[in-house]
Amino acid sequence: MALGSQRSHIMRLILVPGLRLTGIGCVLGLAGAADASSVLRSFLFHVSPFDPVVMPMGAMVVSALALAASALPARRAASVDPMQALRGE
């Protein structure tokens, strides 16, 4: 921010890599869950292994948690006073 960056750019700088990793993790997790569903059939009660509601809901919950985990540091980084940041360096 001391060099002229906007708060929105700072937020995006932190949020985008976190959400990219979340997307990759969700895709790999859904693929792993689909692969492991045949093994875990005995643990699933009243839910089919490829339930079109449960699997996307799990991915959405994980994505929401990852967004919250990325948004807190992003807000903190965007609210840093540029003069204090320059003095600290």
PDB file of N, CA and C in Angstrom:
ATOM      1  N   MET A   1       0.830  -1.184   0.000  1.00  0.00           N
ATOM      2  CA  MET A   1       0.000   0.000   0.000  1.00  0.00           C
ATOM      3  C   MET A   1       0.875   1.247   0.000  1.00  0.00           C
ATOM      4  N   ALA A   2       2.063   1.120   0.553  1.00  0.00           N
ATOM      5  CA  ALA A   2       2.967   2.269   0.581  1.00  0.00           C
ATOM      6  C   ALA A   2       3.445   2.618  -0.821  1.00  0.00           C
ATOM      7  N   LEU A   3       3.389   1.669  -1.727  1.00  0.00           N
ATOM      8  CA  LEU A   3       3.846   1.921  -3.092  1.00  0.00           C
ATOM      9  C   LEU A   3       2.691   2.221  -4.032  1.00  0.00           C
ATOM     10  N   GLY A   4       1.487   2.447  -3.489  1.00  0.00           N
ATOM     11  CA  GLY A   4       0.358   2.861  -4.310  1.00  0.00           C
ATOM     12  C   GLY A   4      -0.663   1.790  -4.611  1.00  0.00           C
ATOM     13  N   SER A   5      -0.564   0.654  -4.002  1.00  0.00           N
ATOM     14  CA  SER A   5      -1.538  -0.403  -4.252  1.00  0.00           C
ATOM     15  C   SER A   5      -2.845  -0.106  -3.521  1.00  0.00           C
ATOM     16  N   GLN A   6      -3.938  -0.530  -4.091  1.00  0.00           N
ATOM     17  CA  GLN A   6      -5.253  -0.350  -3.490  1.00  0.00           C
ATOM     18  C   GLN A   6      -5.557  -1.498  -2.532  1.00  0.00           C
ATOM     19  N   ARG A   7      -6.473  -1.261  -1.603  1.00  0.00           N
ATOM     20  CA  ARG A   7      -6.864  -2.303  -0.645  1.00  0.00           C
ATOM     21  C   ARG A   7      -7.426  -3.532  -1.354  1.00  0.00           C
ATOM     22  N   SER A   8      -8.194  -3.310  -2.410  1.00  0.00           N
ATOM     23  CA  SER A   8      -8.781  -4.438  -3.135  1.00  0.00           C
ATOM     24  C   SER A   8      -7.702  -5.309  -3.778  1.00  0.00           C
ATOM     25  N   HIS A   9      -6.617  -4.690  -4.232  1.00  0.00           N
ATOM     26  CA  HIS A   9      -5.526  -5.465  -4.834  1.00  0.00           C
ATOM     27  C   HIS A   9      -4.792  -6.287  -3.779  1.00  0.00           C
ATOM     28  N   ILE A  10      -4.638  -5.733  -2.597  1.00  0.00           N
ATOM     29  CA  ILE A  10      -3.997  -6.465  -1.505  1.00  0.00           C
ATOM     30  C   ILE A  10      -4.866  -7.658  -1.107  1.00  0.00           C
ATOM     31  N   MET A  11      -6.169  -7.421  -1.006  1.00  0.00           N
ATOM     32  CA  MET A  11      -7.091  -8.513  -0.660  1.00  0.00           C
ATOM     33  C   MET A  11      -7.022  -9.617  -1.717  1.00  0.00           C
ATOM     34  N   ARG A  12      -7.044  -9.221  -2.982  1.00  0.00           N
ATOM     35  CA  ARG A  12      -6.996 -10.198  -4.075  1.00  0.00           C
ATOM     36  C   ARG A  12      -5.676 -10.960  -4.072  1.00  0.00           C
ATOM     37  N   LEU A  13      -4.588 -10.273  -3.735  1.00  0.00           N
ATOM     38  CA  LEU A  13      -3.266 -10.900  -3.695  1.00  0.00           C
ATOM     39  C   LEU A  13      -3.219 -12.056  -2.705  1.00  0.00           C
ATOM     40  N   ILE A  14      -3.986 -11.957  -1.644  1.00  0.00           N
ATOM     41  CA  ILE A  14      -3.991 -13.002  -0.621  1.00  0.00           C
ATOM     42  C   ILE A  14      -5.111 -14.008  -0.858  1.00  0.00           C
ATOM     43  N   LEU A  15      -6.271 -13.557  -1.301  1.00  0.00           N
ATOM     44  CA  LEU A  15      -7.418 -14.449  -1.460  1.00  0.00           C
ATOM     45  C   LEU A  15      -7.292 -15.409  -2.647  1.00  0.00           C
ATOM     46  N   VAL A  16      -6.782 -14.944  -3.756  1.00  0.00           N
ATOM     47  CA  VAL A  16      -6.747 -15.769  -4.973  1.00  0.00           C
ATOM     48  C   VAL A  16      -5.916 -17.044  -4.799  1.00  0.00           C
ATOM     49  N   PRO A  17      -4.690 -16.992  -4.270  1.00  0.00           N
ATOM     50  CA  PRO A  17      -3.958 -18.258  -4.086  1.00  0.00           C
ATOM     51  C   PRO A  17      -4.652 -19.206  -3.096  1.00  0.00           C
ATOM     52  N   GLY A  18      -5.265 -18.657  -2.046  1.00  0.00           N
ATOM     53  CA  GLY A  18      -5.970 -19.505  -1.096  1.00  0.00           C
ATOM     54  C   GLY A  18      -7.163 -20.196  -1.725  1.00  0.00           C
ATOM     55  N   LEU A  19      -7.915 -19.469  -2.530  1.00  0.00           N
ATOM     56  CA  LEU A  19      -9.074 -20.065  -3.190  1.00  0.00           C
ATOM     57  C   LEU A  19      -8.660 -21.025  -4.303  1.00  0.00           C
ATOM     58  N   ARG A  20      -7.532 -20.750  -4.936  1.00  0.00           N
ATOM     59  CA  ARG A  20      -7.030 -21.675  -5.967  1.00  0.00           C
ATOM     60  C   ARG A  20      -6.663 -23.021  -5.324  1.00  0.00           C
ATOM     61  N   LEU A  21      -5.974 -22.965  -4.192  1.00  0.00           N
ATOM     62  CA  LEU A  21      -5.640 -24.199  -3.484  1.00  0.00           C
ATOM     63  C   LEU A  21      -6.886 -24.922  -2.992  1.00  0.00           C
ATOM     64  N   THR A  22      -7.882 -24.156  -2.582  1.00  0.00           N
ATOM     65  CA  THR A  22      -9.138 -24.749  -2.141  1.00  0.00           C
ATOM     66  C   THR A  22      -9.821 -25.479  -3.286  1.00  0.00           C
ATOM     67  N   GLY A  23      -9.839 -24.871  -4.451  1.00  0.00           N
ATOM     68  CA  GLY A  23     -10.443 -25.522  -5.620  1.00  0.00           C
ATOM     69  C   GLY A  23      -9.737 -26.810  -5.981  1.00  0.00           C
ATOM     70  N   ILE A  24      -8.413 -26.783  -5.966  1.00  0.00           N
ATOM     71  CA  ILE A  24      -7.644 -27.995  -6.270  1.00  0.00           C
ATOM     72  C   ILE A  24      -7.923 -29.064  -5.220  1.00  0.00           C
ATOM     73  N   GLY A  25      -7.965 -28.664  -3.955  1.00  0.00           N
ATOM     74  CA  GLY A  25      -8.243 -29.611  -2.881  1.00  0.00           C
ATOM     75  C   GLY A  25      -9.634 -30.196  -2.967  1.00  0.00           C
ATOM     76  N   CYS A  26     -10.611 -29.385  -3.332  1.00  0.00           N
ATOM     77  CA  CYS A  26     -11.981 -29.890  -3.463  1.00  0.00           C
ATOM     78  C   CYS A  26     -12.095 -30.884  -4.611  1.00  0.00           C
ATOM     79  N   VAL A  27     -11.457 -30.580  -5.727  1.00  0.00           N
ATOM     80  CA  VAL A  27     -11.502 -31.509  -6.865  1.00  0.00           C
ATOM     81  C   VAL A  27     -10.834 -32.832  -6.496  1.00  0.00           C
ATOM     82  N   LEU A  28      -9.652 -32.760  -5.876  1.00  0.00           N
ATOM     83  CA  LEU A  28      -8.968 -33.985  -5.466  1.00  0.00           C
ATOM     84  C   LEU A  28      -9.757 -34.725  -4.385  1.00  0.00           C
ATOM     85  N   GLY A  29     -10.370 -33.984  -3.469  1.00  0.00           N
ATOM     86  CA  GLY A  29     -11.161 -34.606  -2.415  1.00  0.00           C
ATOM     87  C   GLY A  29     -12.399 -35.292  -2.952  1.00  0.00           C
ATOM     88  N   LEU A  30     -13.080 -34.647  -3.898  1.00  0.00           N
ATOM     89  CA  LEU A  30     -14.256 -35.274  -4.497  1.00  0.00           C
ATOM     90  C   LEU A  30     -13.875 -36.512  -5.301  1.00  0.00           C
ATOM     91  N   ALA A  31     -12.750 -36.429  -6.006  1.00  0.00           N
ATOM     92  CA  ALA A  31     -12.286 -37.606  -6.750  1.00  0.00           C
ATOM     93  C   ALA A  31     -11.901 -38.732  -5.789  1.00  0.00           C
ATOM     94  N   GLY A  32     -11.228 -38.390  -4.700  1.00  0.00           N
ATOM     95  CA  GLY A  32     -10.872 -39.403  -3.706  1.00  0.00           C
ATOM     96  C   GLY A  32     -12.088 -39.990  -3.022  1.00  0.00           C
ATOM     97  N   ALA A  33     -13.086 -39.158  -2.746  1.00  0.00           N
ATOM     98  CA  ALA A  33     -14.313 -39.656  -2.121  1.00  0.00           C
ATOM     99  C   ALA A  33     -15.065 -40.576  -3.071  1.00  0.00           C
ATOM    100  N   ALA A  34     -15.089 -40.228  -4.343  1.00  0.00           N
ATOM    101  CA  ALA A  34     -15.749 -41.094  -5.322  1.00  0.00           C
ATOM    102  C   ALA A  34     -15.014 -42.421  -5.440  1.00  0.00           C
ATOM    103  N   ASP A  35     -13.694 -42.365  -5.371  1.00  0.00           N
ATOM    104  CA  ASP A  35     -12.904 -43.589  -5.463  1.00  0.00           C
ATOM    105  C   ASP A  35     -13.057 -44.449  -4.210  1.00  0.00           C
ATOM    106  N   ALA A  36     -13.113 -43.818  -3.056  1.00  0.00           N
ATOM    107  CA  ALA A  36     -13.200 -44.557  -1.798  1.00  0.00           C
ATOM    108  C   ALA A  36     -14.622 -44.947  -1.435  1.00  0.00           C
ATOM    109  N   SER A  37     -15.612 -44.478  -2.175  1.00  0.00           N
ATOM    110  CA  SER A  37     -17.000 -44.750  -1.807  1.00  0.00           C
ATOM    111  C   SER A  37     -17.333 -46.230  -1.865  1.00  0.00           C
ATOM    112  N   SER A  38     -16.706 -46.954  -2.765  1.00  0.00           N
ATOM    113  CA  SER A  38     -16.985 -48.387  -2.831  1.00  0.00           C
ATOM    114  C   SER A  38     -16.470 -49.103  -1.584  1.00  0.00           C
ATOM    115  N   VAL A  39     -15.379 -48.622  -1.022  1.00  0.00           N
ATOM    116  CA  VAL A  39     -14.820 -49.213   0.190  1.00  0.00           C
ATOM    117  C   VAL A  39     -15.649 -48.827   1.414  1.00  0.00           C
ATOM    118  N   LEU A  40     -16.161 -47.612   1.414  1.00  0.00           N
ATOM    119  CA  LEU A  40     -16.853 -47.079   2.579  1.00  0.00           C
ATOM    120  C   LEU A  40     -18.372 -47.253   2.531  1.00  0.00           C
ATOM    121  N   ARG A  41     -18.892 -48.057   1.623  1.00  0.00           N
ATOM    122  CA  ARG A  41     -20.338 -48.254   1.501  1.00  0.00           C
ATOM    123  C   ARG A  41     -20.981 -48.727   2.801  1.00  0.00           C
ATOM    124  N   SER A  42     -20.283 -49.520   3.564  1.00  0.00           N
ATOM    125  CA  SER A  42     -20.871 -50.051   4.792  1.00  0.00           C
ATOM    126  C   SER A  42     -21.045 -48.975   5.862  1.00  0.00           C
ATOM    127  N   PHE A  43     -20.333 -47.841   5.753  1.00  0.00           N
ATOM    128  CA  PHE A  43     -20.453 -46.771   6.731  1.00  0.00           C
ATOM    129  C   PHE A  43     -21.532 -45.749   6.371  1.00  0.00           C
ATOM    130  N   LEU A  44     -22.040 -45.807   5.147  1.00  0.00           N
ATOM    131  CA  LEU A  44     -23.014 -44.822   4.684  1.00  0.00           C
ATOM    132  C   LEU A  44     -24.426 -45.324   4.955  1.00  0.00           C
ATOM    133  N   PHE A  45     -25.156 -44.620   5.805  1.00  0.00           N
ATOM    134  CA  PHE A  45     -26.518 -44.994   6.144  1.00  0.00           C
ATOM    135  C   PHE A  45     -27.484 -43.989   5.538  1.00  0.00           C
ATOM    136  N   HIS A  46     -28.410 -44.456   4.736  1.00  0.00           N
ATOM    137  CA  HIS A  46     -29.452 -43.650   4.103  1.00  0.00           C
ATOM    138  C   HIS A  46     -28.890 -42.599   3.154  1.00  0.00           C
ATOM    139  N   VAL A  47     -27.682 -42.805   2.685  1.00  0.00           N
ATOM    140  CA  VAL A  47     -27.064 -41.894   1.717  1.00  0.00           C
ATOM    141  C   VAL A  47     -26.363 -42.748   0.678  1.00  0.00           C
ATOM    142  N   SER A  48     -26.610 -42.450  -0.580  1.00  0.00           N
ATOM    143  CA  SER A  48     -25.905 -43.199  -1.617  1.00  0.00           C
ATOM    144  C   SER A  48     -24.472 -42.671  -1.717  1.00  0.00           C
ATOM    145  N   PRO A  49     -23.551 -43.471  -2.183  1.00  0.00           N
ATOM    146  CA  PRO A  49     -22.152 -43.021  -2.264  1.00  0.00           C
ATOM    147  C   PRO A  49     -21.949 -41.805  -3.169  1.00  0.00           C
ATOM    148  N   PHE A  50     -22.789 -41.650  -4.164  1.00  0.00           N
ATOM    149  CA  PHE A  50     -22.655 -40.518  -5.085  1.00  0.00           C
ATOM    150  C   PHE A  50     -23.863 -39.599  -4.972  1.00  0.00           C
ATOM    151  N   ASP A  51     -24.242 -39.284  -3.747  1.00  0.00           N
ATOM    152  CA  ASP A  51     -25.392 -38.425  -3.495  1.00  0.00           C
ATOM    153  C   ASP A  51     -25.127 -37.040  -4.074  1.00  0.00           C
ATOM    154  N   PRO A  52     -25.998 -36.547  -4.964  1.00  0.00           N
ATOM    155  CA  PRO A  52     -25.746 -35.254  -5.603  1.00  0.00           C
ATOM    156  C   PRO A  52     -25.912 -34.060  -4.670  1.00  0.00           C
ATOM    157  N   VAL A  53     -26.365 -34.272  -3.447  1.00  0.00           N
ATOM    158  CA  VAL A  53     -26.510 -33.170  -2.500  1.00  0.00           C
ATOM    159  C   VAL A  53     -25.357 -33.164  -1.505  1.00  0.00           C
ATOM    160  N   VAL A  54     -24.988 -34.327  -0.995  1.00  0.00           N
ATOM    161  CA  VAL A  54     -24.004 -34.406   0.084  1.00  0.00           C
ATOM    162  C   VAL A  54     -22.601 -34.029  -0.385  1.00  0.00           C
ATOM    163  N   MET A  55     -22.177 -34.553  -1.507  1.00  0.00           N
ATOM    164  CA  MET A  55     -20.800 -34.286  -1.957  1.00  0.00           C
ATOM    165  C   MET A  55     -20.582 -32.809  -2.298  1.00  0.00           C
ATOM    166  N   PRO A  56     -21.465 -32.162  -3.058  1.00  0.00           N
ATOM    167  CA  PRO A  56     -21.246 -30.731  -3.294  1.00  0.00           C
ATOM    168  C   PRO A  56     -21.390 -29.890  -2.020  1.00  0.00           C
ATOM    169  N   MET A  57     -22.271 -30.298  -1.106  1.00  0.00           N
ATOM    170  CA  MET A  57     -22.409 -29.557   0.149  1.00  0.00           C
ATOM    171  C   MET A  57     -21.110 -29.629   0.952  1.00  0.00           C
ATOM    172  N   GLY A  58     -20.480 -30.782   0.981  1.00  0.00           N
ATOM    173  CA  GLY A  58     -19.198 -30.909   1.668  1.00  0.00           C
ATOM    174  C   GLY A  58     -18.147 -30.016   1.054  1.00  0.00           C
ATOM    175  N   ALA A  59     -18.107 -29.964  -0.274  1.00  0.00           N
ATOM    176  CA  ALA A  59     -17.146 -29.096  -0.960  1.00  0.00           C
ATOM    177  C   ALA A  59     -17.452 -27.623  -0.688  1.00  0.00           C
ATOM    178  N   MET A  60     -18.734 -27.266  -0.601  1.00  0.00           N
ATOM    179  CA  MET A  60     -19.089 -25.871  -0.328  1.00  0.00           C
ATOM    180  C   MET A  60     -18.737 -25.480   1.103  1.00  0.00           C
ATOM    181  N   VAL A  61     -18.906 -26.392   2.049  1.00  0.00           N
ATOM    182  CA  VAL A  61     -18.544 -26.093   3.437  1.00  0.00           C
ATOM    183  C   VAL A  61     -17.035 -25.892   3.558  1.00  0.00           C
ATOM    184  N   VAL A  62     -16.282 -26.762   2.919  1.00  0.00           N
ATOM    185  CA  VAL A  62     -14.822 -26.629   2.950  1.00  0.00           C
ATOM    186  C   VAL A  62     -14.397 -25.320   2.269  1.00  0.00           C
ATOM    187  N   SER A  63     -15.045 -24.972   1.169  1.00  0.00           N
ATOM    188  CA  SER A  63     -14.715 -23.722   0.472  1.00  0.00           C
ATOM    189  C   SER A  63     -15.047 -22.507   1.326  1.00  0.00           C
ATOM    190  N   ALA A  64     -16.159 -22.547   2.030  1.00  0.00           N
ATOM    191  CA  ALA A  64     -16.519 -21.427   2.904  1.00  0.00           C
ATOM    192  C   ALA A  64     -15.519 -21.281   4.042  1.00  0.00           C
ATOM    193  N   LEU A  65     -15.090 -22.396   4.613  1.00  0.00           N
ATOM    194  CA  LEU A  65     -14.089 -22.333   5.677  1.00  0.00           C
ATOM    195  C   LEU A  65     -12.759 -21.804   5.157  1.00  0.00           C
ATOM    196  N   ALA A  66     -12.372 -22.234   3.963  1.00  0.00           N
ATOM    197  CA  ALA A  66     -11.116 -21.755   3.379  1.00  0.00           C
ATOM    198  C   ALA A  66     -11.205 -20.261   3.041  1.00  0.00           C
ATOM    199  N   LEU A  67     -12.372 -19.813   2.588  1.00  0.00           N
ATOM    200  CA  LEU A  67     -12.545 -18.391   2.308  1.00  0.00           C
ATOM    201  C   LEU A  67     -12.422 -17.574   3.586  1.00  0.00           C
ATOM    202  N   ALA A  68     -13.022 -18.064   4.661  1.00  0.00           N
ATOM    203  CA  ALA A  68     -12.911 -17.357   5.940  1.00  0.00           C
ATOM    204  C   ALA A  68     -11.473 -17.362   6.442  1.00  0.00           C
ATOM    205  N   ALA A  69     -10.791 -18.487   6.263  1.00  0.00           N
ATOM    206  CA  ALA A  69      -9.399 -18.575   6.712  1.00  0.00           C
ATOM    207  C   ALA A  69      -8.477 -17.681   5.881  1.00  0.00           C
ATOM    208  N   SER A  70      -8.819 -17.415   4.643  1.00  0.00           N
ATOM    209  CA  SER A  70      -8.016 -16.524   3.805  1.00  0.00           C
ATOM    210  C   SER A  70      -8.427 -15.069   3.970  1.00  0.00           C
ATOM    211  N   ALA A  71      -9.695 -14.834   4.275  1.00  0.00           N
ATOM    212  CA  ALA A  71     -10.188 -13.463   4.350  1.00  0.00           C
ATOM    213  C   ALA A  71      -9.664 -12.727   5.581  1.00  0.00           C
ATOM    214  N   LEU A  72      -9.499 -13.420   6.676  1.00  0.00           N
ATOM    215  CA  LEU A  72      -9.017 -12.761   7.886  1.00  0.00           C
ATOM    216  C   LEU A  72      -7.606 -12.193   7.709  1.00  0.00           C
ATOM    217  N   PRO A  73      -6.643 -12.964   7.228  1.00  0.00           N
ATOM    218  CA  PRO A  73      -5.318 -12.370   6.996  1.00  0.00           C
ATOM    219  C   PRO A  73      -5.324 -11.317   5.881  1.00  0.00           C
ATOM    220  N   ALA A  74      -6.199 -11.499   4.896  1.00  0.00           N
ATOM    221  CA  ALA A  74      -6.268 -10.521   3.812  1.00  0.00           C
ATOM    222  C   ALA A  74      -6.769  -9.173   4.332  1.00  0.00           C
ATOM    223  N   ARG A  75      -7.775  -9.196   5.192  1.00  0.00           N
ATOM    224  CA  ARG A  75      -8.270  -7.943   5.775  1.00  0.00           C
ATOM    225  C   ARG A  75      -7.209  -7.287   6.642  1.00  0.00           C
ATOM    226  N   ARG A  76      -6.476  -8.106   7.389  1.00  0.00           N
ATOM    227  CA  ARG A  76      -5.418  -7.557   8.237  1.00  0.00           C
ATOM    228  C   ARG A  76      -4.310  -6.928   7.387  1.00  0.00           C
ATOM    229  N   ALA A  77      -3.946  -7.588   6.297  1.00  0.00           N
ATOM    230  CA  ALA A  77      -2.903  -7.045   5.430  1.00  0.00           C
ATOM    231  C   ALA A  77      -3.368  -5.776   4.727  1.00  0.00           C
ATOM    232  N   ALA A  78      -4.645  -5.701   4.379  1.00  0.00           N
ATOM    233  CA  ALA A  78      -5.163  -4.523   3.689  1.00  0.00           C
ATOM    234  C   ALA A  78      -5.336  -3.341   4.632  1.00  0.00           C
ATOM    235  N   SER A  79      -5.398  -3.591   5.927  1.00  0.00           N
ATOM    236  CA  SER A  79      -5.609  -2.494   6.855  1.00  0.00           C
ATOM    237  C   SER A  79      -4.319  -1.977   7.496  1.00  0.00           C
ATOM    238  N   VAL A  80      -3.185  -2.478   7.057  1.00  0.00           N
ATOM    239  CA  VAL A  80      -1.898  -2.023   7.599  1.00  0.00           C
ATOM    240  C   VAL A  80      -1.655  -0.587   7.175  1.00  0.00           C
ATOM    241  N   ASP A  81      -1.219   0.223   8.109  1.00  0.00           N
ATOM    242  CA  ASP A  81      -0.876   1.613   7.814  1.00  0.00           C
ATOM    243  C   ASP A  81       0.432   1.633   7.031  1.00  0.00           C
ATOM    244  N   PRO A  82       0.453   2.262   5.847  1.00  0.00           N
ATOM    245  CA  PRO A  82       1.671   2.253   5.030  1.00  0.00           C
ATOM    246  C   PRO A  82       2.878   2.847   5.737  1.00  0.00           C
ATOM    247  N   MET A  83       2.682   3.863   6.538  1.00  0.00           N
ATOM    248  CA  MET A  83       3.825   4.490   7.240  1.00  0.00           C
ATOM    249  C   MET A  83       4.426   3.526   8.250  1.00  0.00           C
ATOM    250  N   GLN A  84       3.606   2.772   8.963  1.00  0.00           N
ATOM    251  CA  GLN A  84       4.139   1.803   9.907  1.00  0.00           C
ATOM    252  C   GLN A  84       4.869   0.688   9.192  1.00  0.00           C
ATOM    253  N   ALA A  85       4.356   0.290   8.045  1.00  0.00           N
ATOM    254  CA  ALA A  85       5.024  -0.763   7.273  1.00  0.00           C
ATOM    255  C   ALA A  85       6.391  -0.291   6.781  1.00  0.00           C
ATOM    256  N   LEU A  86       6.475   0.947   6.348  1.00  0.00           N
ATOM    257  CA  LEU A  86       7.763   1.472   5.865  1.00  0.00           C
ATOM    258  C   LEU A  86       8.748   1.634   7.013  1.00  0.00           C
ATOM    259  N   ARG A  87       8.255   2.048   8.174  1.00  0.00           N
ATOM    260  CA  ARG A  87       9.148   2.224   9.325  1.00  0.00           C
ATOM    261  C   ARG A  87       9.644   0.877   9.833  1.00  0.00           C
ATOM    262  N   GLY A  88       8.830  -0.163   9.698  1.00  0.00           N
ATOM    263  CA  GLY A  88       9.208  -1.489  10.178  1.00  0.00           C
ATOM    264  C   GLY A  88      10.272  -2.128   9.300  1.00  0.00           C
ATOM    265  N   GLU A  89      10.383  -1.698   8.062  1.00  0.00           N
ATOM    266  CA  GLU A  89      11.370  -2.283   7.145  1.00  0.00           C
ATOM    267  C   GLU A  89      12.625  -1.562   7.348  1.00  0.00           C
TER     268      GLU A  89
END
